[in-house]
Amino acid sequence: MRQLSIILFIGLLIILPSCKYFRASGLFGKKARTLAILKAQEDSIRVTDSLQKITDQLKAIENAKLDSVRKADKIQLSMESRYRYNIIVGSFITPEYAKGMTEEYRKQGYDPKIIKMEGSKFELVSVEAFDSFTKAVSRLKKFQDTIQVEAWMYIKK
């Protein structure tokens, strides 16, 4: 009888942990659910960290782009401000007309620029710009003789 109870007790110990009922509702079920919840939380934290790293990288790339654009704008402004003497072929209040004339001269092989006239609503179409007054006057005379009689010089301050 004693051997039979020992065998039954050992059998119960072996069978009970593998029983679906005890595993789902008993001690083993709670551990499994807790482990599953912890695993899910760990996975979501890992995904959040990955997304944060990607977001940080994208922000860094965007900031680098903005910095390069700012530097290019500064260089262009310094280049434009270096050329104080501009040969002007047209002045317009309507921006579309200025763009049209710019395209006209671009087709002729020039590199025209649109300049905002200080203290005015006018947009000036400049076909050439110089940092030297004597070069600008010399080129303006040639330009008036050969291309457009009404060309004039605008001096940026």
C-alpha atoms as a PDB file:
ATOM      1  CA  MET A   1       0.000   0.000   0.000  1.00  0.00           C
ATOM      2  CA  ARG A   2       2.792   2.332   0.840  1.00  0.00           C
ATOM      3  CA  GLN A   3       4.536   1.582  -2.432  1.00  0.00           C
ATOM      4  CA  LEU A   4       1.316   2.189  -4.295  1.00  0.00           C
ATOM      5  CA  SER A   5       0.872   5.634  -2.697  1.00  0.00           C
ATOM      6  CA  ILE A   6       4.484   6.537  -3.459  1.00  0.00           C
ATOM      7  CA  ILE A   7       4.046   5.474  -7.069  1.00  0.00           C
ATOM      8  CA  LEU A   8       0.801   7.472  -7.315  1.00  0.00           C
ATOM      9  CA  PHE A   9       2.470  10.531  -5.759  1.00  0.00           C
ATOM     10  CA  ILE A  10       5.432  10.319  -8.181  1.00  0.00           C
ATOM     11  CA  GLY A  11       3.031   9.812 -11.070  1.00  0.00           C
ATOM     12  CA  LEU A  12       1.048  12.878 -10.063  1.00  0.00           C
ATOM     13  CA  LEU A  13       4.226  14.938  -9.865  1.00  0.00           C
ATOM     14  CA  ILE A  14       5.157  13.866 -13.373  1.00  0.00           C
ATOM     15  CA  ILE A  15       1.690  14.206 -14.913  1.00  0.00           C
ATOM     16  CA  LEU A  16       0.467  17.430 -13.282  1.00  0.00           C
ATOM     17  CA  PRO A  17       3.026  19.851 -14.769  1.00  0.00           C
ATOM     18  CA  SER A  18       2.302  18.521 -18.223  1.00  0.00           C
ATOM     19  CA  CYS A  19      -1.457  18.677 -17.849  1.00  0.00           C
ATOM     20  CA  LYS A  20      -3.020  21.473 -19.892  1.00  0.00           C
ATOM     21  CA  TYR A  21      -5.446  22.374 -17.149  1.00  0.00           C
ATOM     22  CA  PHE A  22      -2.768  22.910 -14.519  1.00  0.00           C
ATOM     23  CA  ARG A  23      -0.422  24.611 -16.945  1.00  0.00           C
ATOM     24  CA  ALA A  24      -3.082  27.129 -18.042  1.00  0.00           C
ATOM     25  CA  SER A  25      -4.593  27.932 -14.673  1.00  0.00           C
ATOM     26  CA  GLY A  26      -1.959  26.988 -12.181  1.00  0.00           C
ATOM     27  CA  LEU A  27       1.500  28.187 -11.282  1.00  0.00           C
ATOM     28  CA  PHE A  28       2.997  27.249 -14.637  1.00  0.00           C
ATOM     29  CA  GLY A  29       0.377  29.260 -16.585  1.00  0.00           C
ATOM     30  CA  LYS A  30       1.042  32.445 -14.633  1.00  0.00           C
ATOM     31  CA  LYS A  31       4.769  32.195 -15.236  1.00  0.00           C
ATOM     32  CA  ALA A  32       4.259  31.638 -18.935  1.00  0.00           C
ATOM     33  CA  ARG A  33       1.912  34.617 -19.229  1.00  0.00           C
ATOM     34  CA  THR A  34       4.290  36.819 -17.248  1.00  0.00           C
ATOM     35  CA  LEU A  35       7.211  35.732 -19.418  1.00  0.00           C
ATOM     36  CA  ALA A  36       5.192  36.389 -22.573  1.00  0.00           C
ATOM     37  CA  ILE A  37       4.256  39.878 -21.361  1.00  0.00           C
ATOM     38  CA  LEU A  38       7.868  40.664 -20.428  1.00  0.00           C
ATOM     39  CA  LYS A  39       9.057  39.392 -23.817  1.00  0.00           C
ATOM     40  CA  ALA A  40       6.493  41.560 -25.605  1.00  0.00           C
ATOM     41  CA  GLN A  41       7.542  44.618 -23.594  1.00  0.00           C
ATOM     42  CA  GLU A  42      11.200  43.923 -24.350  1.00  0.00           C
ATOM     43  CA  ASP A  43      10.427  43.635 -28.059  1.00  0.00           C
ATOM     44  CA  SER A  44       8.461  46.892 -28.071  1.00  0.00           C
ATOM     45  CA  ILE A  45      11.307  48.676 -26.265  1.00  0.00           C
ATOM     46  CA  ARG A  46      13.768  47.306 -28.803  1.00  0.00           C
ATOM     47  CA  VAL A  47      11.578  48.485 -31.695  1.00  0.00           C
ATOM     48  CA  THR A  48      11.146  51.926 -30.082  1.00  0.00           C
ATOM     49  CA  ASP A  49      14.908  52.243 -29.653  1.00  0.00           C
ATOM     50  CA  SER A  50      15.469  51.300 -33.282  1.00  0.00           C
ATOM     51  CA  LEU A  51      12.903  53.844 -34.446  1.00  0.00           C
ATOM     52  CA  GLN A  52      14.477  56.522 -32.254  1.00  0.00           C
ATOM     53  CA  LYS A  53      17.915  55.812 -33.747  1.00  0.00           C
ATOM     54  CA  ILE A  54      16.505  56.053 -37.269  1.00  0.00           C
ATOM     55  CA  THR A  55      14.704  59.296 -36.396  1.00  0.00           C
ATOM     56  CA  ASP A  56      17.916  60.743 -34.963  1.00  0.00           C
ATOM     57  CA  GLN A  57      19.836  59.749 -38.099  1.00  0.00           C
ATOM     58  CA  LEU A  58      17.201  61.352 -40.344  1.00  0.00           C
ATOM     59  CA  LYS A  59      17.325  64.540 -38.264  1.00  0.00           C
ATOM     60  CA  ALA A  60      21.109  64.605 -38.544  1.00  0.00           C
ATOM     61  CA  ILE A  61      20.907  64.193 -42.321  1.00  0.00           C
ATOM     62  CA  GLU A  62      18.277  66.933 -42.564  1.00  0.00           C
ATOM     63  CA  ASN A  63      20.378  69.268 -40.425  1.00  0.00           C
ATOM     64  CA  ALA A  64      23.416  68.558 -42.607  1.00  0.00           C
ATOM     65  CA  LYS A  65      21.368  69.390 -45.708  1.00  0.00           C
ATOM     66  CA  LEU A  66      20.125  72.629 -44.165  1.00  0.00           C
ATOM     67  CA  ASP A  67      23.655  73.575 -43.157  1.00  0.00           C
ATOM     68  CA  SER A  68      24.958  72.980 -46.667  1.00  0.00           C
ATOM     69  CA  VAL A  69      22.094  75.011 -48.159  1.00  0.00           C
ATOM     70  CA  ARG A  70      22.820  77.864 -45.729  1.00  0.00           C
ATOM     71  CA  LYS A  71      26.512  77.767 -46.616  1.00  0.00           C
ATOM     72  CA  ALA A  72      25.702  77.768 -50.326  1.00  0.00           C
ATOM     73  CA  ASP A  73      23.345  80.718 -49.834  1.00  0.00           C
ATOM     74  CA  LYS A  74      26.031  82.623 -47.923  1.00  0.00           C
ATOM     75  CA  ILE A  75      28.576  81.924 -50.657  1.00  0.00           C
ATOM     76  CA  GLN A  76      26.131  83.010 -53.345  1.00  0.00           C
ATOM     77  CA  LEU A  77      25.255  86.177 -51.426  1.00  0.00           C
ATOM     78  CA  SER A  78      28.918  86.998 -50.965  1.00  0.00           C
ATOM     79  CA  MET A  79      29.526  86.368 -54.676  1.00  0.00           C
ATOM     80  CA  GLU A  80      26.567  88.537 -55.634  1.00  0.00           C
ATOM     81  CA  SER A  81      27.574  91.282 -53.252  1.00  0.00           C
ATOM     82  CA  ARG A  82      31.083  91.166 -54.681  1.00  0.00           C
ATOM     83  CA  TYR A  83      29.685  92.169 -58.074  1.00  0.00           C
ATOM     84  CA  ARG A  84      28.483  95.657 -57.461  1.00  0.00           C
ATOM     85  CA  TYR A  85      28.261  96.826 -61.084  1.00  0.00           C
ATOM     86  CA  ASN A  86      25.488  95.105 -63.058  1.00  0.00           C
ATOM     87  CA  ILE A  87      24.545  95.541 -66.702  1.00  0.00           C
ATOM     88  CA  ILE A  88      20.755  95.746 -66.736  1.00  0.00           C
ATOM     89  CA  VAL A  89      18.655  94.925 -69.798  1.00  0.00           C
ATOM     90  CA  GLY A  90      15.215  95.265 -68.242  1.00  0.00           C
ATOM     91  CA  SER A  91      13.365  96.325 -65.112  1.00  0.00           C
ATOM     92  CA  PHE A  92       9.925  95.007 -64.268  1.00  0.00           C
ATOM     93  CA  ILE A  93       7.343  95.175 -61.517  1.00  0.00           C
ATOM     94  CA  THR A  94       5.742  91.958 -62.766  1.00  0.00           C
ATOM     95  CA  PRO A  95       7.958  88.964 -61.870  1.00  0.00           C
ATOM     96  CA  GLU A  96       6.739  86.912 -64.854  1.00  0.00           C
ATOM     97  CA  TYR A  97       8.086  89.506 -67.292  1.00  0.00           C
ATOM     98  CA  ALA A  98      11.462  89.472 -65.558  1.00  0.00           C
ATOM     99  CA  LYS A  99      11.552  85.669 -65.767  1.00  0.00           C
ATOM    100  CA  GLY A 100      10.618  85.805 -69.450  1.00  0.00           C
ATOM    101  CA  MET A 101      13.440  88.205 -70.288  1.00  0.00           C
ATOM    102  CA  THR A 102      15.840  86.078 -68.226  1.00  0.00           C
ATOM    103  CA  GLU A 103      14.959  83.055 -70.353  1.00  0.00           C
ATOM    104  CA  GLU A 104      15.392  85.115 -73.526  1.00  0.00           C
ATOM    105  CA  TYR A 105      18.962  86.055 -72.612  1.00  0.00           C
ATOM    106  CA  ARG A 106      19.731  82.565 -71.320  1.00  0.00           C
ATOM    107  CA  LYS A 107      18.907  81.242 -74.804  1.00  0.00           C
ATOM    108  CA  GLN A 108      21.420  83.736 -76.207  1.00  0.00           C
ATOM    109  CA  GLY A 109      24.160  82.235 -74.022  1.00  0.00           C
ATOM    110  CA  TYR A 110      24.205  84.668 -71.113  1.00  0.00           C
ATOM    111  CA  ASP A 111      23.798  83.824 -67.442  1.00  0.00           C
ATOM    112  CA  PRO A 112      21.173  86.408 -66.429  1.00  0.00           C
ATOM    113  CA  LYS A 113      20.177  87.063 -62.838  1.00  0.00           C
ATOM    114  CA  ILE A 114      17.134  88.743 -61.363  1.00  0.00           C
ATOM    115  CA  ILE A 115      18.061  91.404 -58.816  1.00  0.00           C
ATOM    116  CA  LYS A 116      15.611  93.102 -56.471  1.00  0.00           C
ATOM    117  CA  MET A 117      16.085  96.859 -56.634  1.00  0.00           C
ATOM    118  CA  GLU A 118      16.637  98.253 -53.166  1.00  0.00           C
ATOM    119  CA  GLY A 119      13.780 100.394 -51.910  1.00  0.00           C
ATOM    120  CA  SER A 120      11.553  99.513 -54.867  1.00  0.00           C
ATOM    121  CA  LYS A 121       9.199  96.860 -56.203  1.00  0.00           C
ATOM    122  CA  PHE A 122      11.206  96.564 -59.409  1.00  0.00           C
ATOM    123  CA  GLU A 123      13.053  93.418 -60.413  1.00  0.00           C
ATOM    124  CA  LEU A 124      16.078  94.024 -62.608  1.00  0.00           C
ATOM    125  CA  VAL A 125      17.384  91.584 -65.191  1.00  0.00           C
ATOM    126  CA  SER A 126      21.174  91.622 -65.087  1.00  0.00           C
ATOM    127  CA  VAL A 127      23.073  89.844 -67.859  1.00  0.00           C
ATOM    128  CA  GLU A 128      26.582  90.523 -66.591  1.00  0.00           C
ATOM    129  CA  ALA A 129      28.110  91.755 -63.337  1.00  0.00           C
ATOM    130  CA  PHE A 130      31.537  93.123 -62.508  1.00  0.00           C
ATOM    131  CA  ASP A 131      33.487  94.040 -59.407  1.00  0.00           C
ATOM    132  CA  SER A 132      35.415  96.754 -61.247  1.00  0.00           C
ATOM    133  CA  PHE A 133      33.779  99.973 -62.403  1.00  0.00           C
ATOM    134  CA  THR A 134      36.083 100.389 -65.409  1.00  0.00           C
ATOM    135  CA  LYS A 135      35.405  96.841 -66.644  1.00  0.00           C
ATOM    136  CA  ALA A 136      31.681  97.369 -66.224  1.00  0.00           C
ATOM    137  CA  VAL A 137      31.653 100.672 -68.149  1.00  0.00           C
ATOM    138  CA  SER A 138      33.751  99.183 -70.952  1.00  0.00           C
ATOM    139  CA  ARG A 139      31.483  96.137 -71.268  1.00  0.00           C
ATOM    140  CA  LEU A 140      28.329  98.271 -71.046  1.00  0.00           C
ATOM    141  CA  LYS A 141      29.439 100.367 -74.033  1.00  0.00           C
ATOM    142  CA  LYS A 142      30.103  97.227 -76.093  1.00  0.00           C
ATOM    143  CA  PHE A 143      26.797  95.753 -74.971  1.00  0.00           C
ATOM    144  CA  GLN A 144      24.892  98.904 -75.970  1.00  0.00           C
ATOM    145  CA  ASP A 145      26.607  98.983 -79.380  1.00  0.00           C
ATOM    146  CA  THR A 146      26.041  95.316 -80.260  1.00  0.00           C
ATOM    147  CA  ILE A 147      23.138  93.827 -78.320  1.00  0.00           C
ATOM    148  CA  GLN A 148      20.792  96.298 -76.652  1.00  0.00           C
ATOM    149  CA  VAL A 149      20.943 100.058 -76.888  1.00  0.00           C
ATOM    150  CA  GLU A 150      18.787 100.571 -73.796  1.00  0.00           C
ATOM    151  CA  ALA A 151      21.070  98.614 -71.442  1.00  0.00           C
ATOM    152  CA  TRP A 152      22.227 100.494 -68.362  1.00  0.00           C
ATOM    153  CA  MET A 153      24.324  99.974 -65.243  1.00  0.00           C
ATOM    154  CA  TYR A 154      22.982  99.375 -61.771  1.00  0.00           C
ATOM    155  CA  ILE A 155      25.397  99.841 -58.877  1.00  0.00           C
ATOM    156  CA  LYS A 156      24.522  97.810 -55.795  1.00  0.00           C
ATOM    157  CA  LYS A 157      25.367  99.400 -52.499  1.00  0.00           C
END
